[in-house]
Amino acid sequence: MTNILIIGATGSFGSALRASLQDKTDFNVTLFSRSAGKLLPKTSRETVMAGDATDIDTLRPLVQNSDYIFSAVSGQQIIQVTQNLGALTKQTNKHVILVSSLGIYNEIPQSMGAEWNLDENSILKPYRKAADLVESGVNHYTIIRPGWIKQGQPAPEYEVTEKGKSFGGREVSPANLAHLVDDILQDPHDYDGRNLGINDN
């Protein structure tokens, strides 16, 4: 049985992935976040655990028991969490899926508001650092750089861009990001080592 750990399970992206995994897979899912105590398992395949992902000793057994680790945390903590994942997955075949942010490579066109690029917005520095840590220290990974979270119904289509390509939109619905993660889980070899932007069309 395939096991996946969702770090940030109570956030918008973690919650959307949880729902998608329930519908589309038979994976065992561990839901982990500081506030996971408010969650109740919906199936026997779900395990809920509250804790701090910046604590490597708390994270260690969860990573050891997982084939895939989906990490969607925000702010400065993303650096320590990503460092922990690098240390815990070193010399393993575990696949890390890191949610970073749009703009960390200055890929937002001027017409869309270039003030949200890294050169203009220091809030993106931890997200860029986390992406660099993954690229330099994780054996198997996919980095996802989502647009800003879009509320309401997801767009019927979304765009995926490779690292170095400009974004075509500034927002993405959590459901569409979860759809991309579904594709990664179905064909991890095709997505291994890729760094992808995603936005709704």
N, C-alpha and C. Protein backbone atom coordinates (compact mmCIF):
# COMPACT_ATOMS: atom_id res chain seq x y z
N MET A 1 0.84 -1.19 0.00
CA MET A 1 0.00 0.00 0.00
C MET A 1 0.88 1.24 0.00
N THR A 2 0.51 2.23 -0.79
CA THR A 2 1.25 3.48 -0.87
C THR A 2 0.84 4.39 0.28
N ASN A 3 1.84 5.04 0.87
CA ASN A 3 1.61 5.94 2.00
C ASN A 3 2.05 7.35 1.64
N ILE A 4 1.21 8.33 1.95
CA ILE A 4 1.55 9.72 1.69
C ILE A 4 1.33 10.54 2.96
N LEU A 5 2.27 11.43 3.23
CA LEU A 5 2.21 12.35 4.35
C LEU A 5 1.88 13.74 3.82
N ILE A 6 0.84 14.36 4.36
CA ILE A 6 0.48 15.73 4.00
C ILE A 6 0.86 16.64 5.16
N ILE A 7 1.90 17.44 4.97
CA ILE A 7 2.32 18.44 5.96
C ILE A 7 1.60 19.74 5.60
N GLY A 8 0.86 20.27 6.56
CA GLY A 8 0.00 21.42 6.26
C GLY A 8 -1.38 20.95 5.85
N ALA A 9 -1.85 19.90 6.50
CA ALA A 9 -3.08 19.23 6.07
C ALA A 9 -4.33 20.07 6.30
N THR A 10 -4.26 21.08 7.17
CA THR A 10 -5.44 21.90 7.43
C THR A 10 -5.49 23.16 6.56
N GLY A 11 -4.46 23.39 5.76
CA GLY A 11 -4.45 24.53 4.87
C GLY A 11 -5.27 24.28 3.61
N SER A 12 -5.36 25.31 2.78
CA SER A 12 -6.18 25.20 1.56
C SER A 12 -5.68 24.11 0.63
N PHE A 13 -4.37 24.07 0.39
CA PHE A 13 -3.84 23.08 -0.54
C PHE A 13 -3.85 21.68 0.07
N GLY A 14 -3.50 21.57 1.33
CA GLY A 14 -3.52 20.27 1.99
C GLY A 14 -4.92 19.69 2.06
N SER A 15 -5.90 20.54 2.33
CA SER A 15 -7.29 20.08 2.42
C SER A 15 -7.80 19.61 1.06
N ALA A 16 -7.43 20.35 0.00
CA ALA A 16 -7.86 19.96 -1.35
C ALA A 16 -7.23 18.63 -1.76
N LEU A 17 -5.96 18.44 -1.41
CA LEU A 17 -5.31 17.17 -1.75
C LEU A 17 -5.93 16.03 -0.96
N ARG A 18 -6.24 16.27 0.29
CA ARG A 18 -6.90 15.23 1.09
C ARG A 18 -8.17 14.75 0.41
N ALA A 19 -9.01 15.69 -0.01
CA ALA A 19 -10.27 15.34 -0.65
C ALA A 19 -10.04 14.57 -1.94
N SER A 20 -9.05 15.00 -2.71
CA SER A 20 -8.76 14.33 -3.98
C SER A 20 -8.26 12.91 -3.76
N LEU A 21 -7.41 12.73 -2.77
CA LEU A 21 -6.89 11.39 -2.49
C LEU A 21 -7.99 10.44 -2.05
N GLN A 22 -8.96 10.96 -1.31
CA GLN A 22 -10.08 10.12 -0.89
C GLN A 22 -10.86 9.61 -2.09
N ASP A 23 -11.03 10.49 -3.08
CA ASP A 23 -11.85 10.16 -4.24
C ASP A 23 -11.14 9.29 -5.26
N LYS A 24 -9.82 9.47 -5.40
CA LYS A 24 -9.12 8.93 -6.56
C LYS A 24 -8.09 7.85 -6.26
N THR A 25 -7.77 7.61 -4.99
CA THR A 25 -6.73 6.64 -4.69
C THR A 25 -7.15 5.74 -3.53
N ASP A 26 -6.34 4.72 -3.30
CA ASP A 26 -6.51 3.89 -2.11
C ASP A 26 -5.31 4.06 -1.18
N PHE A 27 -4.63 5.21 -1.28
CA PHE A 27 -3.45 5.49 -0.47
C PHE A 27 -3.82 5.57 1.02
N ASN A 28 -2.86 5.20 1.84
CA ASN A 28 -2.92 5.54 3.26
C ASN A 28 -2.41 6.97 3.40
N VAL A 29 -3.15 7.81 4.09
CA VAL A 29 -2.84 9.24 4.18
C VAL A 29 -2.65 9.64 5.64
N THR A 30 -1.51 10.28 5.93
CA THR A 30 -1.28 10.87 7.24
C THR A 30 -1.45 12.37 7.13
N LEU A 31 -2.38 12.92 7.91
CA LEU A 31 -2.69 14.34 7.91
C LEU A 31 -1.98 14.98 9.09
N PHE A 32 -1.06 15.89 8.79
CA PHE A 32 -0.19 16.45 9.83
C PHE A 32 -0.17 17.97 9.75
N SER A 33 -0.40 18.62 10.87
CA SER A 33 -0.22 20.06 10.99
C SER A 33 -0.32 20.42 12.46
N ARG A 34 0.01 21.67 12.76
CA ARG A 34 -0.11 22.12 14.15
C ARG A 34 -1.55 22.01 14.65
N SER A 35 -2.48 22.28 13.75
CA SER A 35 -3.89 22.31 14.16
C SER A 35 -4.67 21.09 13.68
N ALA A 36 -3.97 20.00 13.41
CA ALA A 36 -4.65 18.80 12.90
C ALA A 36 -5.60 18.18 13.91
N GLY A 37 -5.48 18.58 15.17
CA GLY A 37 -6.37 18.03 16.18
C GLY A 37 -7.83 18.29 15.93
N LYS A 38 -8.12 19.29 15.09
CA LYS A 38 -9.53 19.58 14.79
C LYS A 38 -10.08 18.69 13.68
N LEU A 39 -9.20 17.87 13.07
CA LEU A 39 -9.63 16.98 12.00
C LEU A 39 -10.06 15.64 12.55
N LEU A 40 -11.01 15.02 11.88
CA LEU A 40 -11.41 13.65 12.21
C LEU A 40 -11.16 12.78 10.98
N PRO A 41 -10.60 11.59 11.17
CA PRO A 41 -10.41 10.70 10.02
C PRO A 41 -11.75 10.40 9.35
N LYS A 42 -11.76 10.45 8.03
CA LYS A 42 -12.99 10.18 7.29
C LYS A 42 -13.06 8.74 6.81
N THR A 43 -11.90 8.08 6.75
CA THR A 43 -11.85 6.68 6.36
C THR A 43 -10.80 5.98 7.22
N SER A 44 -10.77 4.67 7.14
CA SER A 44 -9.77 3.90 7.89
C SER A 44 -8.37 4.09 7.31
N ARG A 45 -8.29 4.69 6.14
CA ARG A 45 -6.98 4.93 5.51
C ARG A 45 -6.33 6.23 5.99
N GLU A 46 -7.04 7.00 6.77
CA GLU A 46 -6.51 8.28 7.24
C GLU A 46 -6.03 8.19 8.68
N THR A 47 -4.87 8.82 8.92
CA THR A 47 -4.34 8.99 10.27
C THR A 47 -4.13 10.49 10.49
N VAL A 48 -4.55 10.98 11.63
CA VAL A 48 -4.42 12.40 11.94
C VAL A 48 -3.41 12.58 13.07
N MET A 49 -2.50 13.53 12.88
CA MET A 49 -1.52 13.81 13.93
C MET A 49 -1.23 15.30 13.97
N ALA A 50 -1.31 15.87 15.16
CA ALA A 50 -0.97 17.28 15.36
C ALA A 50 0.48 17.37 15.82
N GLY A 51 1.19 18.35 15.30
CA GLY A 51 2.58 18.53 15.71
C GLY A 51 3.26 19.61 14.92
N ASP A 52 4.51 19.81 15.21
CA ASP A 52 5.32 20.88 14.63
C ASP A 52 6.33 20.27 13.66
N ALA A 53 6.18 20.57 12.38
CA ALA A 53 7.06 19.99 11.36
C ALA A 53 8.47 20.56 11.40
N THR A 54 8.67 21.64 12.16
CA THR A 54 10.04 22.14 12.31
C THR A 54 10.84 21.30 13.30
N ASP A 55 10.18 20.42 14.02
CA ASP A 55 10.83 19.50 14.97
C ASP A 55 11.16 18.20 14.23
N ILE A 56 12.41 18.00 13.93
CA ILE A 56 12.81 16.86 13.10
C ILE A 56 12.48 15.53 13.77
N ASP A 57 12.53 15.48 15.10
CA ASP A 57 12.25 14.22 15.79
C ASP A 57 10.77 13.86 15.72
N THR A 58 9.91 14.87 15.69
CA THR A 58 8.47 14.62 15.48
C THR A 58 8.21 14.13 14.07
N LEU A 59 8.92 14.72 13.12
CA LEU A 59 8.70 14.41 11.71
C LEU A 59 9.29 13.06 11.31
N ARG A 60 10.34 12.64 11.99
CA ARG A 60 11.12 11.47 11.56
C ARG A 60 10.26 10.22 11.33
N PRO A 61 9.48 9.75 12.30
CA PRO A 61 8.71 8.51 12.07
C PRO A 61 7.66 8.66 10.98
N LEU A 62 7.11 9.85 10.82
CA LEU A 62 6.10 10.07 9.79
C LEU A 62 6.72 9.96 8.40
N VAL A 63 7.89 10.54 8.23
CA VAL A 63 8.59 10.45 6.94
C VAL A 63 9.05 9.03 6.67
N GLN A 64 9.54 8.36 7.69
CA GLN A 64 10.01 6.99 7.52
C GLN A 64 8.91 6.07 7.02
N ASN A 65 7.68 6.35 7.41
CA ASN A 65 6.54 5.49 7.05
C ASN A 65 5.83 5.95 5.78
N SER A 66 6.41 6.90 5.06
CA SER A 66 5.74 7.48 3.89
C SER A 66 6.56 7.26 2.62
N ASP A 67 5.85 7.06 1.52
CA ASP A 67 6.49 6.98 0.21
C ASP A 67 6.57 8.36 -0.45
N TYR A 68 5.54 9.16 -0.19
CA TYR A 68 5.46 10.53 -0.72
C TYR A 68 5.24 11.49 0.44
N ILE A 69 5.88 12.64 0.35
CA ILE A 69 5.69 13.70 1.34
C ILE A 69 5.29 14.96 0.60
N PHE A 70 4.08 15.44 0.90
CA PHE A 70 3.57 16.69 0.33
C PHE A 70 3.68 17.74 1.40
N SER A 71 4.43 18.80 1.13
CA SER A 71 4.67 19.84 2.13
C SER A 71 4.14 21.17 1.64
N ALA A 72 3.16 21.72 2.37
CA ALA A 72 2.57 23.01 2.02
C ALA A 72 2.49 23.85 3.28
N VAL A 73 3.61 24.44 3.65
CA VAL A 73 3.65 25.31 4.82
C VAL A 73 4.06 26.70 4.36
N SER A 74 3.79 27.69 5.20
CA SER A 74 4.02 29.07 4.79
C SER A 74 4.96 29.79 5.74
N GLY A 75 5.44 30.94 5.29
CA GLY A 75 6.27 31.78 6.13
C GLY A 75 7.67 31.24 6.35
N GLN A 76 8.33 31.78 7.35
CA GLN A 76 9.72 31.40 7.62
C GLN A 76 9.88 29.92 7.94
N GLN A 77 8.85 29.29 8.50
CA GLN A 77 8.98 27.88 8.89
C GLN A 77 9.25 26.96 7.71
N ILE A 78 8.94 27.42 6.48
CA ILE A 78 9.15 26.56 5.33
C ILE A 78 10.62 26.16 5.18
N ILE A 79 11.52 27.03 5.63
CA ILE A 79 12.95 26.73 5.51
C ILE A 79 13.32 25.56 6.42
N GLN A 80 12.96 25.62 7.70
CA GLN A 80 13.32 24.54 8.63
C GLN A 80 12.62 23.24 8.26
N VAL A 81 11.36 23.32 7.88
CA VAL A 81 10.64 22.11 7.49
C VAL A 81 11.33 21.45 6.30
N THR A 82 11.73 22.25 5.32
CA THR A 82 12.37 21.70 4.12
C THR A 82 13.75 21.14 4.45
N GLN A 83 14.49 21.80 5.34
CA GLN A 83 15.77 21.25 5.78
C GLN A 83 15.56 19.89 6.44
N ASN A 84 14.53 19.78 7.26
CA ASN A 84 14.23 18.50 7.90
C ASN A 84 13.92 17.42 6.87
N LEU A 85 13.13 17.77 5.87
CA LEU A 85 12.79 16.79 4.84
C LEU A 85 14.02 16.35 4.06
N GLY A 86 14.91 17.29 3.77
CA GLY A 86 16.14 16.92 3.08
C GLY A 86 16.97 15.94 3.88
N ALA A 87 17.09 16.19 5.19
CA ALA A 87 17.87 15.29 6.04
C ALA A 87 17.21 13.92 6.17
N LEU A 88 15.89 13.89 6.27
CA LEU A 88 15.18 12.63 6.51
C LEU A 88 14.99 11.79 5.25
N THR A 89 15.07 12.40 4.08
CA THR A 89 14.88 11.63 2.84
C THR A 89 16.19 11.37 2.11
N LYS A 90 17.29 11.85 2.67
CA LYS A 90 18.59 11.66 2.02
C LYS A 90 18.87 10.18 1.82
N GLN A 91 19.34 9.84 0.63
CA GLN A 91 19.68 8.46 0.26
C GLN A 91 18.48 7.52 0.38
N THR A 92 17.31 8.03 0.10
CA THR A 92 16.10 7.19 0.05
C THR A 92 15.42 7.42 -1.30
N ASN A 93 14.39 6.64 -1.57
CA ASN A 93 13.59 6.81 -2.78
C ASN A 93 12.30 7.57 -2.52
N LYS A 94 12.19 8.18 -1.36
CA LYS A 94 10.98 8.94 -1.04
C LYS A 94 10.90 10.18 -1.93
N HIS A 95 9.69 10.52 -2.35
CA HIS A 95 9.46 11.63 -3.27
C HIS A 95 8.84 12.79 -2.50
N VAL A 96 9.52 13.93 -2.49
CA VAL A 96 9.04 15.13 -1.82
C VAL A 96 8.36 16.04 -2.84
N ILE A 97 7.15 16.46 -2.52
CA ILE A 97 6.43 17.45 -3.33
C ILE A 97 6.32 18.71 -2.50
N LEU A 98 7.08 19.73 -2.88
CA LEU A 98 7.13 20.97 -2.12
C LEU A 98 6.28 22.04 -2.78
N VAL A 99 5.40 22.65 -2.01
CA VAL A 99 4.65 23.81 -2.48
C VAL A 99 5.42 25.06 -2.08
N SER A 100 5.91 25.79 -3.06
CA SER A 100 6.64 27.03 -2.84
C SER A 100 5.72 28.20 -3.21
N SER A 101 6.13 29.08 -4.11
CA SER A 101 5.32 30.23 -4.47
C SER A 101 5.67 30.73 -5.86
N LEU A 102 4.71 31.34 -6.50
CA LEU A 102 5.02 32.07 -7.73
C LEU A 102 5.93 33.24 -7.40
N GLY A 103 6.71 33.69 -8.39
CA GLY A 103 7.53 34.88 -8.24
C GLY A 103 8.92 34.65 -7.72
N ILE A 104 9.26 33.44 -7.27
CA ILE A 104 10.57 33.24 -6.66
C ILE A 104 11.71 33.28 -7.67
N TYR A 105 11.38 33.17 -8.95
CA TYR A 105 12.39 33.31 -10.01
C TYR A 105 12.11 34.55 -10.87
N ASN A 106 11.35 35.48 -10.32
CA ASN A 106 10.99 36.70 -11.06
C ASN A 106 10.29 36.37 -12.37
N GLU A 107 9.39 35.40 -12.29
CA GLU A 107 8.72 34.91 -13.50
C GLU A 107 7.37 35.55 -13.76
N ILE A 108 6.99 36.54 -12.94
CA ILE A 108 5.72 37.22 -13.15
C ILE A 108 5.94 38.38 -14.11
N PRO A 109 5.25 38.41 -15.23
CA PRO A 109 5.42 39.50 -16.19
C PRO A 109 5.01 40.85 -15.61
N GLN A 110 5.61 41.91 -16.14
CA GLN A 110 5.29 43.27 -15.69
C GLN A 110 3.79 43.54 -15.80
N SER A 111 3.17 43.02 -16.83
CA SER A 111 1.75 43.28 -17.06
C SER A 111 0.86 42.67 -15.98
N MET A 112 1.37 41.69 -15.24
CA MET A 112 0.60 41.03 -14.20
C MET A 112 0.91 41.57 -12.81
N GLY A 113 1.88 42.46 -12.72
CA GLY A 113 2.25 42.99 -11.41
C GLY A 113 3.58 42.46 -10.93
N ALA A 114 4.64 42.92 -11.53
CA ALA A 114 5.97 42.41 -11.23
C ALA A 114 6.43 42.72 -9.81
N GLU A 115 5.66 43.53 -9.08
CA GLU A 115 6.02 43.81 -7.69
C GLU A 115 5.91 42.57 -6.82
N TRP A 116 5.31 41.52 -7.35
CA TRP A 116 5.23 40.27 -6.61
C TRP A 116 6.36 39.31 -6.96
N ASN A 117 7.35 39.78 -7.69
CA ASN A 117 8.56 39.00 -7.95
C ASN A 117 9.54 39.12 -6.78
N LEU A 118 10.43 38.18 -6.70
CA LEU A 118 11.40 38.13 -5.60
C LEU A 118 12.22 39.41 -5.49
N ASP A 119 12.63 39.96 -6.61
CA ASP A 119 13.47 41.16 -6.58
C ASP A 119 12.76 42.35 -5.94
N GLU A 120 11.43 42.32 -5.93
CA GLU A 120 10.66 43.43 -5.39
C GLU A 120 9.96 43.09 -4.08
N ASN A 121 9.97 41.82 -3.70
CA ASN A 121 9.14 41.39 -2.57
C ASN A 121 9.91 40.41 -1.70
N SER A 122 10.42 40.89 -0.58
CA SER A 122 11.27 40.06 0.28
C SER A 122 10.50 38.94 0.96
N ILE A 123 9.16 39.02 0.99
CA ILE A 123 8.38 37.96 1.62
C ILE A 123 8.58 36.61 0.93
N LEU A 124 9.07 36.65 -0.31
CA LEU A 124 9.27 35.42 -1.08
C LEU A 124 10.59 34.74 -0.78
N LYS A 125 11.47 35.38 -0.03
CA LYS A 125 12.80 34.81 0.19
C LYS A 125 12.77 33.41 0.82
N PRO A 126 11.95 33.16 1.84
CA PRO A 126 11.93 31.80 2.40
C PRO A 126 11.47 30.75 1.39
N TYR A 127 10.55 31.12 0.51
CA TYR A 127 10.05 30.17 -0.49
C TYR A 127 11.13 29.84 -1.52
N ARG A 128 11.92 30.84 -1.89
CA ARG A 128 13.03 30.59 -2.80
C ARG A 128 14.09 29.73 -2.12
N LYS A 129 14.38 30.03 -0.86
CA LYS A 129 15.36 29.24 -0.12
C LYS A 129 14.92 27.78 -0.03
N ALA A 130 13.65 27.56 0.24
CA ALA A 130 13.14 26.19 0.34
C ALA A 130 13.28 25.46 -0.99
N ALA A 131 12.96 26.13 -2.09
CA ALA A 131 13.10 25.50 -3.40
C ALA A 131 14.56 25.16 -3.68
N ASP A 132 15.47 26.07 -3.32
CA ASP A 132 16.90 25.80 -3.51
C ASP A 132 17.35 24.60 -2.68
N LEU A 133 16.84 24.50 -1.46
CA LEU A 133 17.20 23.37 -0.59
C LEU A 133 16.75 22.05 -1.20
N VAL A 134 15.56 22.03 -1.75
CA VAL A 134 15.05 20.81 -2.37
C VAL A 134 15.89 20.43 -3.59
N GLU A 135 16.16 21.40 -4.44
CA GLU A 135 16.91 21.10 -5.65
C GLU A 135 18.33 20.62 -5.36
N SER A 136 18.91 21.09 -4.27
CA SER A 136 20.29 20.73 -3.97
C SER A 136 20.42 19.55 -3.02
N GLY A 137 19.33 19.20 -2.30
CA GLY A 137 19.50 18.21 -1.26
C GLY A 137 18.49 17.09 -1.18
N VAL A 138 17.55 17.02 -2.11
CA VAL A 138 16.55 15.95 -2.09
C VAL A 138 16.70 15.09 -3.34
N ASN A 139 16.74 13.80 -3.17
CA ASN A 139 16.98 12.89 -4.30
C ASN A 139 15.84 12.91 -5.32
N HIS A 140 14.62 12.80 -4.83
CA HIS A 140 13.45 12.71 -5.71
C HIS A 140 12.44 13.77 -5.26
N TYR A 141 12.11 14.65 -6.16
CA TYR A 141 11.26 15.77 -5.77
C TYR A 141 10.50 16.34 -6.96
N THR A 142 9.44 17.05 -6.64
CA THR A 142 8.77 17.97 -7.57
C THR A 142 8.46 19.23 -6.79
N ILE A 143 8.83 20.37 -7.33
CA ILE A 143 8.50 21.66 -6.73
C ILE A 143 7.32 22.24 -7.49
N ILE A 144 6.33 22.72 -6.75
CA ILE A 144 5.16 23.37 -7.34
C ILE A 144 5.15 24.82 -6.87
N ARG A 145 5.05 25.73 -7.82
CA ARG A 145 4.98 27.17 -7.53
C ARG A 145 3.58 27.68 -7.89
N PRO A 146 2.67 27.66 -6.93
CA PRO A 146 1.29 28.04 -7.26
C PRO A 146 1.11 29.55 -7.30
N GLY A 147 0.12 29.96 -8.08
CA GLY A 147 -0.36 31.33 -7.98
C GLY A 147 -1.06 31.54 -6.65
N TRP A 148 -1.55 32.74 -6.43
CA TRP A 148 -2.28 33.02 -5.20
C TRP A 148 -3.54 32.16 -5.15
N ILE A 149 -3.95 31.82 -3.95
CA ILE A 149 -5.10 30.95 -3.78
C ILE A 149 -6.36 31.64 -4.28
N LYS A 150 -7.05 30.96 -5.17
CA LYS A 150 -8.31 31.45 -5.73
C LYS A 150 -9.47 30.84 -4.96
N GLN A 151 -10.37 31.69 -4.53
CA GLN A 151 -11.55 31.23 -3.80
C GLN A 151 -12.66 30.87 -4.80
N GLY A 152 -13.61 30.08 -4.35
CA GLY A 152 -14.74 29.74 -5.18
C GLY A 152 -14.47 28.55 -6.09
N GLN A 153 -15.24 28.43 -7.13
CA GLN A 153 -15.15 27.30 -8.04
C GLN A 153 -13.84 27.31 -8.82
N PRO A 154 -13.21 26.15 -9.00
CA PRO A 154 -11.98 26.10 -9.79
C PRO A 154 -12.25 26.37 -11.26
N ALA A 155 -11.26 26.95 -11.93
CA ALA A 155 -11.36 27.12 -13.37
C ALA A 155 -11.37 25.75 -14.03
N PRO A 156 -12.02 25.61 -15.19
CA PRO A 156 -12.07 24.30 -15.84
C PRO A 156 -10.71 23.85 -16.36
N GLU A 157 -9.79 24.78 -16.56
CA GLU A 157 -8.47 24.43 -17.05
C GLU A 157 -7.42 25.21 -16.27
N TYR A 158 -6.21 24.65 -16.23
CA TYR A 158 -5.10 25.35 -15.59
C TYR A 158 -3.85 25.18 -16.45
N GLU A 159 -2.89 26.05 -16.19
CA GLU A 159 -1.66 26.06 -16.97
C GLU A 159 -0.49 25.65 -16.06
N VAL A 160 0.37 24.79 -16.59
CA VAL A 160 1.59 24.40 -15.89
C VAL A 160 2.78 24.91 -16.69
N THR A 161 3.68 25.60 -16.01
CA THR A 161 4.85 26.15 -16.68
C THR A 161 6.12 25.61 -16.04
N GLU A 162 7.12 25.38 -16.85
CA GLU A 162 8.41 24.90 -16.36
C GLU A 162 9.20 26.07 -15.78
N LYS A 163 10.16 25.75 -14.96
CA LYS A 163 11.07 26.76 -14.41
C LYS A 163 11.71 27.55 -15.54
N GLY A 164 11.73 28.87 -15.41
CA GLY A 164 12.29 29.73 -16.44
C GLY A 164 11.26 30.32 -17.37
N LYS A 165 10.01 29.85 -17.28
CA LYS A 165 8.94 30.35 -18.13
C LYS A 165 8.06 31.32 -17.34
N SER A 166 7.50 32.31 -18.03
CA SER A 166 6.64 33.29 -17.39
C SER A 166 5.30 32.69 -17.00
N PHE A 167 4.70 33.24 -15.95
CA PHE A 167 3.36 32.84 -15.53
C PHE A 167 2.33 33.44 -16.48
N GLY A 168 1.23 32.70 -16.67
CA GLY A 168 0.15 33.20 -17.50
C GLY A 168 -1.03 33.71 -16.70
N GLY A 169 -0.97 33.59 -15.38
CA GLY A 169 -2.05 34.05 -14.51
C GLY A 169 -1.55 34.09 -13.08
N ARG A 170 -2.25 34.83 -12.23
CA ARG A 170 -1.75 35.03 -10.87
C ARG A 170 -2.43 34.15 -9.83
N GLU A 171 -3.53 33.47 -10.17
CA GLU A 171 -4.28 32.72 -9.18
C GLU A 171 -4.38 31.26 -9.57
N VAL A 172 -4.59 30.42 -8.56
CA VAL A 172 -4.86 29.00 -8.82
C VAL A 172 -5.81 28.50 -7.74
N SER A 173 -6.74 27.67 -8.14
CA SER A 173 -7.65 27.07 -7.16
C SER A 173 -6.97 25.86 -6.53
N PRO A 174 -7.17 25.64 -5.23
CA PRO A 174 -6.59 24.47 -4.58
C PRO A 174 -6.95 23.16 -5.27
N ALA A 175 -8.16 23.05 -5.81
CA ALA A 175 -8.56 21.81 -6.49
C ALA A 175 -7.69 21.53 -7.70
N ASN A 176 -7.29 22.57 -8.43
CA ASN A 176 -6.45 22.36 -9.60
C ASN A 176 -5.02 22.00 -9.20
N LEU A 177 -4.54 22.58 -8.11
CA LEU A 177 -3.23 22.14 -7.62
C LEU A 177 -3.29 20.67 -7.21
N ALA A 178 -4.37 20.27 -6.55
CA ALA A 178 -4.52 18.87 -6.16
C ALA A 178 -4.55 17.97 -7.39
N HIS A 179 -5.16 18.44 -8.47
CA HIS A 179 -5.20 17.66 -9.71
C HIS A 179 -3.78 17.45 -10.24
N LEU A 180 -2.95 18.48 -10.18
CA LEU A 180 -1.55 18.33 -10.61
C LEU A 180 -0.83 17.31 -9.74
N VAL A 181 -1.06 17.37 -8.44
CA VAL A 181 -0.42 16.40 -7.54
C VAL A 181 -0.90 14.98 -7.87
N ASP A 182 -2.17 14.82 -8.21
CA ASP A 182 -2.66 13.51 -8.64
C ASP A 182 -1.85 12.99 -9.83
N ASP A 183 -1.58 13.87 -10.79
CA ASP A 183 -0.79 13.48 -11.95
C ASP A 183 0.62 13.06 -11.54
N ILE A 184 1.20 13.80 -10.61
CA ILE A 184 2.55 13.46 -10.12
C ILE A 184 2.55 12.08 -9.48
N LEU A 185 1.55 11.80 -8.67
CA LEU A 185 1.49 10.53 -7.97
C LEU A 185 1.25 9.36 -8.93
N GLN A 186 0.56 9.62 -10.03
CA GLN A 186 0.32 8.58 -11.02
C GLN A 186 1.56 8.27 -11.85
N ASP A 187 2.42 9.28 -12.05
CA ASP A 187 3.61 9.10 -12.89
C ASP A 187 4.79 9.85 -12.28
N PRO A 188 5.25 9.43 -11.11
CA PRO A 188 6.29 10.19 -10.41
C PRO A 188 7.60 10.30 -11.19
N HIS A 189 7.91 9.31 -11.99
CA HIS A 189 9.18 9.37 -12.74
C HIS A 189 9.16 10.52 -13.74
N ASP A 190 8.02 10.77 -14.34
CA ASP A 190 7.93 11.85 -15.32
C ASP A 190 8.07 13.22 -14.67
N TYR A 191 7.69 13.32 -13.40
CA TYR A 191 7.74 14.60 -12.70
C TYR A 191 8.95 14.75 -11.80
N ASP A 192 9.78 13.73 -11.73
CA ASP A 192 10.93 13.76 -10.82
C ASP A 192 11.92 14.84 -11.27
N GLY A 193 12.29 15.70 -10.32
CA GLY A 193 13.28 16.74 -10.60
C GLY A 193 12.73 17.96 -11.30
N ARG A 194 11.42 18.07 -11.44
CA ARG A 194 10.84 19.21 -12.15
C ARG A 194 10.38 20.29 -11.18
N ASN A 195 10.38 21.50 -11.68
CA ASN A 195 10.04 22.69 -10.91
C ASN A 195 8.96 23.43 -11.69
N LEU A 196 7.71 23.36 -11.22
CA LEU A 196 6.55 23.72 -12.04
C LEU A 196 5.75 24.87 -11.45
N GLY A 197 5.42 25.85 -12.27
CA GLY A 197 4.44 26.85 -11.89
C GLY A 197 3.06 26.37 -12.29
N ILE A 198 2.04 26.83 -11.56
CA ILE A 198 0.67 26.46 -11.90
C ILE A 198 -0.25 27.65 -11.65
N ASN A 199 -1.10 27.92 -12.63
CA ASN A 199 -2.10 28.97 -12.51
C ASN A 199 -3.35 28.58 -13.26
N ASP A 200 -4.50 29.08 -12.80
CA ASP A 200 -5.74 28.86 -13.51
C ASP A 200 -5.74 29.65 -14.82
N ASN A 201 -6.35 29.06 -15.83
CA ASN A 201 -6.52 29.79 -17.11
C ASN A 201 -7.70 30.75 -17.01
